[in-house]
Amino acid sequence: MTKAELLRKTRAKCLDCCCGSVKEVTLCTVGGCSLYDVRLGKDPTKRVMSEEKKLALGQGLARGRKAKKLTPTVEENVNELG
């Protein structure tokens, strides 16, 4: 079972517990429930990116920006045509 499927099933269980009311799921006050943190259908854990991954993404963005600057703009093409 994927994480998305698990979150979807959890959300469905919370809706069942609150008689199908989305607002009641949002306003739920049963903090002792094991599903409380994931009741809104989202993963509450914060994703932490490694320094290597940050560096790789930054380099990819830099390459993309450089490639974009090398592509002539429409105005430059018009100016060349006279």
N, C-alpha and C. Protein backbone atom coordinates (compact mmCIF):
# COMPACT_ATOMS: atom_id res chain seq x y z
N MET A 1 0.85 -1.17 0.00
CA MET A 1 0.00 0.00 0.00
C MET A 1 0.90 1.24 0.00
N THR A 2 0.61 2.17 -0.88
CA THR A 2 1.42 3.39 -0.96
C THR A 2 1.00 4.37 0.14
N LYS A 3 1.85 5.36 0.35
CA LYS A 3 1.56 6.37 1.36
C LYS A 3 0.27 7.12 1.03
N ALA A 4 0.09 7.42 -0.25
CA ALA A 4 -1.11 8.14 -0.68
C ALA A 4 -2.37 7.32 -0.40
N GLU A 5 -2.31 6.02 -0.67
CA GLU A 5 -3.47 5.16 -0.41
C GLU A 5 -3.77 5.10 1.09
N LEU A 6 -2.72 5.02 1.90
CA LEU A 6 -2.89 4.97 3.35
C LEU A 6 -3.53 6.26 3.87
N LEU A 7 -3.06 7.40 3.36
CA LEU A 7 -3.64 8.68 3.78
C LEU A 7 -5.10 8.80 3.34
N ARG A 8 -5.41 8.30 2.13
CA ARG A 8 -6.78 8.33 1.63
C ARG A 8 -7.71 7.48 2.51
N LYS A 9 -7.23 6.30 2.89
CA LYS A 9 -8.04 5.43 3.74
C LYS A 9 -8.23 6.03 5.13
N THR A 10 -7.19 6.67 5.63
CA THR A 10 -7.28 7.33 6.93
C THR A 10 -8.31 8.45 6.87
N ARG A 11 -8.26 9.22 5.82
CA ARG A 11 -9.22 10.32 5.64
C ARG A 11 -10.65 9.77 5.59
N ALA A 12 -10.83 8.67 4.88
CA ALA A 12 -12.15 8.05 4.78
C ALA A 12 -12.64 7.58 6.16
N LYS A 13 -11.75 7.02 6.96
CA LYS A 13 -12.12 6.56 8.30
C LYS A 13 -12.53 7.75 9.17
N CYS A 14 -11.79 8.86 9.08
CA CYS A 14 -12.14 10.05 9.85
C CYS A 14 -13.49 10.61 9.41
N LEU A 15 -13.75 10.61 8.12
CA LEU A 15 -15.05 11.06 7.63
C LEU A 15 -16.17 10.15 8.14
N ASP A 16 -15.90 8.85 8.19
CA ASP A 16 -16.88 7.91 8.72
C ASP A 16 -17.15 8.19 10.20
N CYS A 17 -16.09 8.46 10.95
CA CYS A 17 -16.22 8.75 12.38
C CYS A 17 -17.03 10.02 12.63
N CYS A 18 -16.90 11.00 11.73
CA CYS A 18 -17.58 12.29 11.87
C CYS A 18 -18.86 12.37 11.03
N CYS A 19 -19.43 11.23 10.73
CA CYS A 19 -20.69 11.13 9.97
C CYS A 19 -20.63 11.84 8.62
N GLY A 20 -19.46 11.81 7.98
CA GLY A 20 -19.32 12.37 6.64
C GLY A 20 -19.12 13.87 6.58
N SER A 21 -18.98 14.51 7.72
CA SER A 21 -18.84 15.95 7.73
C SER A 21 -17.37 16.37 7.67
N VAL A 22 -16.99 17.00 6.57
CA VAL A 22 -15.61 17.47 6.40
C VAL A 22 -15.26 18.50 7.46
N LYS A 23 -16.20 19.35 7.78
CA LYS A 23 -15.96 20.39 8.79
C LYS A 23 -15.69 19.78 10.16
N GLU A 24 -16.41 18.72 10.49
CA GLU A 24 -16.20 18.06 11.78
C GLU A 24 -14.84 17.37 11.85
N VAL A 25 -14.37 16.84 10.73
CA VAL A 25 -13.03 16.25 10.70
C VAL A 25 -11.99 17.33 10.97
N THR A 26 -12.17 18.49 10.35
CA THR A 26 -11.25 19.60 10.56
C THR A 26 -11.28 20.09 12.00
N LEU A 27 -12.46 20.12 12.60
CA LEU A 27 -12.62 20.62 13.96
C LEU A 27 -12.43 19.54 15.02
N CYS A 28 -12.03 18.35 14.64
CA CYS A 28 -11.90 17.22 15.57
C CYS A 28 -11.03 17.60 16.77
N THR A 29 -11.51 17.22 17.95
CA THR A 29 -10.79 17.53 19.19
C THR A 29 -10.30 16.27 19.91
N VAL A 30 -10.40 15.12 19.26
CA VAL A 30 -9.96 13.87 19.88
C VAL A 30 -8.47 13.70 19.63
N GLY A 31 -7.68 14.45 20.38
CA GLY A 31 -6.22 14.43 20.21
C GLY A 31 -5.59 13.10 20.54
N GLY A 32 -6.26 12.25 21.32
CA GLY A 32 -5.73 10.95 21.68
C GLY A 32 -5.89 9.91 20.58
N CYS A 33 -6.62 10.23 19.54
CA CYS A 33 -6.83 9.31 18.43
C CYS A 33 -5.53 9.12 17.66
N SER A 34 -5.23 7.88 17.30
CA SER A 34 -3.98 7.61 16.57
C SER A 34 -4.00 8.18 15.15
N LEU A 35 -5.18 8.52 14.64
CA LEU A 35 -5.29 9.09 13.29
C LEU A 35 -5.34 10.61 13.30
N TYR A 36 -5.29 11.21 14.47
CA TYR A 36 -5.50 12.66 14.60
C TYR A 36 -4.56 13.47 13.70
N ASP A 37 -3.28 13.15 13.69
CA ASP A 37 -2.30 13.94 12.93
C ASP A 37 -2.47 13.81 11.42
N VAL A 38 -3.08 12.74 10.96
CA VAL A 38 -3.23 12.53 9.51
C VAL A 38 -4.68 12.64 9.07
N ARG A 39 -5.55 13.14 9.92
CA ARG A 39 -6.99 13.17 9.64
C ARG A 39 -7.35 14.03 8.44
N LEU A 40 -6.50 15.00 8.09
CA LEU A 40 -6.81 15.88 6.96
C LEU A 40 -6.31 15.32 5.63
N GLY A 41 -5.77 14.10 5.67
CA GLY A 41 -5.32 13.46 4.43
C GLY A 41 -3.95 13.92 3.98
N LYS A 42 -3.18 14.51 4.89
CA LYS A 42 -1.83 14.96 4.54
C LYS A 42 -0.83 14.37 5.51
N ASP A 43 0.36 14.13 5.02
CA ASP A 43 1.43 13.57 5.84
C ASP A 43 1.99 14.68 6.73
N PRO A 44 1.93 14.53 8.04
CA PRO A 44 2.38 15.59 8.94
C PRO A 44 3.89 15.67 9.11
N THR A 45 4.62 14.67 8.63
CA THR A 45 6.07 14.69 8.80
C THR A 45 6.70 15.65 7.81
N LYS A 46 7.66 16.40 8.29
CA LYS A 46 8.35 17.36 7.44
C LYS A 46 9.44 16.64 6.67
N ARG A 47 9.47 16.86 5.38
CA ARG A 47 10.49 16.24 4.54
C ARG A 47 11.77 17.05 4.66
N VAL A 48 12.87 16.37 4.93
CA VAL A 48 14.16 17.02 5.07
C VAL A 48 15.01 16.64 3.86
N MET A 49 15.54 17.65 3.19
CA MET A 49 16.35 17.42 2.01
C MET A 49 17.83 17.45 2.39
N SER A 50 18.59 16.48 1.90
CA SER A 50 20.01 16.44 2.20
C SER A 50 20.74 17.57 1.47
N GLU A 51 21.91 17.88 1.97
CA GLU A 51 22.72 18.94 1.35
C GLU A 51 23.09 18.57 -0.08
N GLU A 52 23.37 17.29 -0.34
CA GLU A 52 23.72 16.85 -1.69
C GLU A 52 22.55 17.07 -2.65
N LYS A 53 21.34 16.77 -2.18
CA LYS A 53 20.16 16.96 -3.03
C LYS A 53 19.92 18.45 -3.30
N LYS A 54 20.11 19.28 -2.27
CA LYS A 54 19.95 20.73 -2.45
C LYS A 54 20.95 21.25 -3.48
N LEU A 55 22.19 20.78 -3.38
CA LEU A 55 23.24 21.21 -4.31
C LEU A 55 22.91 20.78 -5.74
N ALA A 56 22.45 19.52 -5.90
CA ALA A 56 22.11 19.01 -7.22
C ALA A 56 20.95 19.80 -7.83
N LEU A 57 19.94 20.11 -7.03
CA LEU A 57 18.80 20.89 -7.53
C LEU A 57 19.23 22.31 -7.91
N GLY A 58 20.10 22.91 -7.10
CA GLY A 58 20.61 24.25 -7.40
C GLY A 58 21.39 24.28 -8.70
N GLN A 59 22.21 23.25 -8.92
CA GLN A 59 22.98 23.18 -10.16
C GLN A 59 22.07 23.00 -11.37
N GLY A 60 21.01 22.21 -11.20
CA GLY A 60 20.05 22.02 -12.29
C GLY A 60 19.34 23.32 -12.63
N LEU A 61 18.98 24.09 -11.60
CA LEU A 61 18.34 25.39 -11.84
C LEU A 61 19.29 26.35 -12.55
N ALA A 62 20.56 26.35 -12.14
CA ALA A 62 21.56 27.22 -12.76
C ALA A 62 21.73 26.87 -14.24
N ARG A 63 21.77 25.57 -14.55
CA ARG A 63 21.89 25.15 -15.96
C ARG A 63 20.67 25.60 -16.76
N GLY A 64 19.50 25.47 -16.16
CA GLY A 64 18.27 25.88 -16.84
C GLY A 64 18.25 27.37 -17.11
N ARG A 65 18.67 28.16 -16.12
CA ARG A 65 18.70 29.61 -16.30
C ARG A 65 19.69 30.01 -17.38
N LYS A 66 20.85 29.34 -17.39
CA LYS A 66 21.87 29.64 -18.40
C LYS A 66 21.35 29.29 -19.80
N ALA A 67 20.69 28.14 -19.92
CA ALA A 67 20.15 27.72 -21.22
C ALA A 67 19.07 28.69 -21.69
N LYS A 68 18.29 29.20 -20.75
CA LYS A 68 17.23 30.14 -21.11
C LYS A 68 17.81 31.44 -21.63
N LYS A 69 18.92 31.89 -21.04
CA LYS A 69 19.55 33.13 -21.48
C LYS A 69 20.18 32.97 -22.86
N LEU A 70 20.59 31.76 -23.23
CA LEU A 70 21.20 31.53 -24.53
C LEU A 70 20.18 31.53 -25.65
N THR A 71 18.93 31.30 -25.35
CA THR A 71 17.88 31.30 -26.34
C THR A 71 17.53 32.75 -26.69
N PRO A 72 17.62 33.13 -27.98
CA PRO A 72 17.32 34.51 -28.34
C PRO A 72 15.84 34.83 -28.10
N THR A 73 15.59 36.04 -27.67
CA THR A 73 14.22 36.47 -27.44
C THR A 73 13.58 36.88 -28.76
N VAL A 74 12.29 37.06 -28.76
CA VAL A 74 11.56 37.48 -29.97
C VAL A 74 12.05 38.85 -30.41
N GLU A 75 12.28 39.76 -29.45
CA GLU A 75 12.75 41.10 -29.79
C GLU A 75 14.10 41.07 -30.48
N GLU A 76 15.02 40.19 -30.00
CA GLU A 76 16.33 40.07 -30.66
C GLU A 76 16.19 39.56 -32.08
N ASN A 77 15.28 38.61 -32.30
CA ASN A 77 15.07 38.07 -33.64
C ASN A 77 14.51 39.15 -34.57
N VAL A 78 13.60 39.98 -34.08
CA VAL A 78 13.01 41.06 -34.88
C VAL A 78 14.08 42.08 -35.24
N ASN A 79 14.93 42.42 -34.27
CA ASN A 79 16.01 43.39 -34.52
C ASN A 79 16.99 42.88 -35.56
N GLU A 80 17.28 41.61 -35.58
CA GLU A 80 18.20 41.04 -36.56
C GLU A 80 17.62 41.11 -37.96
N LEU A 81 16.29 40.98 -38.07
CA LEU A 81 15.65 41.02 -39.38
C LEU A 81 15.55 42.43 -39.94
N GLY A 82 15.69 43.40 -39.05
CA GLY A 82 15.72 44.78 -39.50
C GLY A 82 14.43 45.42 -39.41
